[in-house]
Amino acid sequence: MNKRPSRYSDEIARATAEALYPQVKEYLEEQDCFDENEKEDVIQQVAHAIRYEDDGYKIVRELEHEGWDGEASLVDLFENRTYTKRDAEHEKAIAEWVKKEGIRPAKKVGDLVVTTHATPHAGTVVRVDERTASYVINSPAFGHKPPDLTKDFNEGRYFPWEEVLNGVLPPA
């Protein structure tokens, strides 16, 4: 099985840069420095600048190394859009990965589980997101109130299915 797509992979950075391109093109046209023949270069430069970054100021600082003018409006463009565009592209890639790999979450609402991300925490599955192969885990360790599984909404944190195991933590 192939690994879950990473939020900060080259592929997601490229897809995010392509999604941002219409706004970047508009900015470049306003600056009177747009050339359609440079579209691929622009996308590559933006993809490189946003690879590990969502902060508009830091993105523009990286683009300045490529000769871009670091105006406040360009900072605003990236500040207000990069995270949401990356999030959408990442979710789309995960949904495609889930479909391609035939992944089905093995847990159900109400299962007692342990998360394996960083420090293990015991909790209860309160929601299953099959589209992204994720569970929403309610855990007192995160400050959540005990879940009421008769309700549609419970507090919780999202975890990829591969970071959730059956069981409970042993007493300390």
Protein backbone atom coordinates (compact mmCIF):
# COMPACT_ATOMS: atom_id res chain seq x y z
CA MET A 1 0.00 0.00 0.00
CA ASN A 2 1.24 3.49 -0.83
CA LYS A 3 1.65 5.99 1.99
CA ARG A 4 -0.90 8.69 2.80
CA PRO A 5 -0.14 11.89 0.84
CA SER A 6 1.84 14.39 2.90
CA ARG A 7 0.51 17.91 3.42
CA TYR A 8 3.96 19.32 2.67
CA SER A 9 4.96 17.15 -0.30
CA ASP A 10 6.18 18.46 -3.64
CA GLU A 11 2.95 17.25 -5.24
CA ILE A 12 0.71 19.15 -2.82
CA ALA A 13 2.91 22.27 -3.11
CA ARG A 14 2.61 22.08 -6.91
CA ALA A 15 -1.18 21.57 -6.81
CA THR A 16 -1.51 24.44 -4.34
CA ALA A 17 0.61 26.72 -6.55
CA GLU A 18 -1.59 25.83 -9.52
CA ALA A 19 -4.70 26.61 -7.46
CA LEU A 20 -3.19 29.96 -6.42
CA TYR A 21 -2.11 30.80 -9.99
CA PRO A 22 -5.23 32.80 -11.01
CA GLN A 23 -4.74 35.18 -8.06
CA VAL A 24 -0.98 35.36 -8.62
CA LYS A 25 -1.56 36.08 -12.32
CA GLU A 26 -3.96 38.89 -11.40
CA TYR A 27 -1.37 40.35 -9.02
CA LEU A 28 1.35 40.19 -11.70
CA GLU A 29 -0.98 41.84 -14.25
CA GLU A 30 -1.67 44.67 -11.78
CA GLN A 31 2.10 45.10 -11.39
CA ASP A 32 2.43 45.16 -15.19
CA CYS A 33 4.94 42.29 -15.09
CA PHE A 34 2.87 39.35 -16.31
CA ASP A 35 4.08 37.20 -19.20
CA GLU A 36 1.98 34.14 -20.10
CA ASN A 37 5.15 32.45 -21.39
CA GLU A 38 6.45 32.43 -17.81
CA LYS A 39 3.44 30.62 -16.33
CA GLU A 40 5.40 27.42 -15.63
CA ASP A 41 8.25 29.38 -14.02
CA VAL A 42 5.77 31.26 -11.83
CA ILE A 43 4.08 28.04 -10.70
CA GLN A 44 7.46 26.42 -9.95
CA GLN A 45 8.67 29.44 -7.99
CA VAL A 46 5.46 29.65 -5.97
CA ALA A 47 5.50 25.88 -5.34
CA HIS A 48 9.06 26.11 -4.07
CA ALA A 49 8.25 29.09 -1.84
CA ILE A 50 5.20 27.45 -0.25
CA ARG A 51 6.66 23.92 0.05
CA TYR A 52 6.95 24.08 3.86
CA GLU A 53 5.34 27.43 4.51
CA ASP A 54 1.85 28.93 4.89
CA ASP A 55 2.95 32.32 6.30
CA GLY A 56 2.50 34.99 3.62
CA TYR A 57 5.46 37.10 4.74
CA LYS A 58 7.86 34.14 4.70
CA ILE A 59 6.56 33.01 1.31
CA VAL A 60 7.16 36.44 -0.19
CA ARG A 61 10.64 36.59 1.39
CA GLU A 62 11.42 33.35 -0.45
CA LEU A 63 10.02 34.74 -3.71
CA GLU A 64 12.18 37.87 -3.33
CA HIS A 65 15.19 35.56 -3.88
CA GLU A 66 13.70 34.89 -7.33
CA GLY A 67 13.39 38.60 -8.09
CA TRP A 68 9.80 39.17 -6.99
CA ASP A 69 8.79 42.50 -5.46
CA GLY A 70 7.71 41.91 -1.86
CA GLU A 71 4.72 44.22 -1.66
CA ALA A 72 2.18 44.01 1.15
CA SER A 73 -0.56 43.04 -1.31
CA LEU A 74 1.45 39.96 -2.34
CA VAL A 75 1.95 39.04 1.32
CA ASP A 76 -1.82 39.38 1.80
CA LEU A 77 -2.50 37.21 -1.25
CA PHE A 78 -0.47 34.34 0.18
CA GLU A 79 -1.41 34.94 3.81
CA ASN A 80 -5.12 34.70 3.13
CA ARG A 81 -5.13 31.81 0.67
CA THR A 82 -2.16 29.44 0.96
CA TYR A 83 -3.35 27.45 3.98
CA THR A 84 -6.90 26.94 2.70
CA LYS A 85 -5.77 26.09 -0.83
CA ARG A 86 -3.16 23.63 0.51
CA ASP A 87 -5.79 22.12 2.83
CA ALA A 88 -8.20 21.61 -0.08
CA GLU A 89 -5.51 20.09 -2.32
CA HIS A 90 -4.33 17.82 0.49
CA GLU A 91 -7.87 16.60 1.22
CA LYS A 92 -8.42 15.94 -2.48
CA ALA A 93 -5.18 13.92 -2.67
CA ILE A 94 -6.13 11.92 0.42
CA ALA A 95 -9.60 11.17 -0.97
CA GLU A 96 -8.00 9.93 -4.21
CA TRP A 97 -5.52 7.84 -2.21
CA VAL A 98 -8.33 6.30 -0.12
CA LYS A 99 -10.27 5.40 -3.26
CA LYS A 100 -7.24 4.08 -5.17
CA GLU A 101 -5.99 1.97 -2.24
CA GLY A 102 -9.48 0.77 -1.25
CA ILE A 103 -8.95 1.92 2.32
CA ARG A 104 -11.72 1.37 4.85
CA PRO A 105 -11.36 2.50 8.46
CA ALA A 106 -11.38 -0.47 10.83
CA LYS A 107 -12.77 1.39 13.86
CA LYS A 108 -16.32 2.51 14.56
CA VAL A 109 -17.96 5.15 16.71
CA GLY A 110 -17.71 4.16 20.36
CA ASP A 111 -14.49 2.12 20.05
CA LEU A 112 -11.91 2.70 22.77
CA VAL A 113 -8.58 3.51 21.14
CA VAL A 114 -5.07 4.81 21.72
CA THR A 115 -3.50 7.42 19.45
CA THR A 116 0.13 6.89 18.48
CA HIS A 117 0.95 10.42 17.29
CA ALA A 118 3.67 11.90 19.55
CA THR A 119 2.48 11.05 23.09
CA PRO A 120 -0.08 8.21 23.18
CA HIS A 121 -3.52 9.20 24.44
CA ALA A 122 -6.51 6.99 25.19
CA GLY A 123 -9.85 8.08 23.84
CA THR A 124 -13.12 7.20 22.18
CA VAL A 125 -13.90 7.32 18.47
CA VAL A 126 -16.73 9.86 18.11
CA ARG A 127 -16.70 10.21 14.31
CA VAL A 128 -15.35 8.29 11.32
CA ASP A 129 -14.40 10.24 8.19
CA GLU A 130 -14.22 7.60 5.46
CA ARG A 131 -13.34 10.15 2.78
CA THR A 132 -10.02 10.92 4.47
CA ALA A 133 -9.57 7.67 6.45
CA SER A 134 -9.56 9.63 9.70
CA TYR A 135 -11.12 9.28 13.11
CA VAL A 136 -12.24 12.00 15.47
CA ILE A 137 -11.01 10.99 18.91
CA ASN A 138 -12.44 12.36 22.13
CA SER A 139 -9.95 12.20 24.98
CA PRO A 140 -9.86 13.74 28.46
CA ALA A 141 -6.12 14.26 27.84
CA PHE A 142 -7.10 16.90 25.24
CA GLY A 143 -9.50 18.61 27.67
CA HIS A 144 -12.60 17.11 26.06
CA LYS A 145 -15.81 16.51 27.98
CA PRO A 146 -16.85 12.83 28.04
CA PRO A 147 -18.60 11.98 24.77
CA ASP A 148 -22.34 11.48 24.46
CA LEU A 149 -22.55 8.98 21.60
CA THR A 150 -26.30 9.57 21.25
CA LYS A 151 -25.51 13.03 19.82
CA ASP A 152 -24.24 13.85 16.34
CA PHE A 153 -21.52 16.19 17.59
CA ASN A 154 -18.84 15.51 20.18
CA GLU A 155 -15.56 17.27 20.84
CA GLY A 156 -12.54 15.57 19.38
CA ARG A 157 -9.35 15.76 17.37
CA TYR A 158 -8.79 14.29 13.93
CA PHE A 159 -6.25 11.47 13.61
CA PRO A 160 -5.29 9.50 10.50
CA TRP A 161 -6.45 5.90 10.82
CA GLU A 162 -2.84 4.67 10.82
CA GLU A 163 -2.19 6.61 14.07
CA VAL A 164 -5.04 4.93 15.99
CA LEU A 165 -4.84 1.53 17.69
CA ASN A 166 -7.42 -0.56 19.53
CA GLY A 167 -7.31 -0.54 23.32
CA VAL A 168 -6.72 1.67 26.29
CA LEU A 169 -3.59 2.90 28.04
CA PRO A 170 -2.54 0.99 31.14
CA PRO A 171 -2.94 2.91 34.42
CA ALA A 172 0.01 5.16 35.23
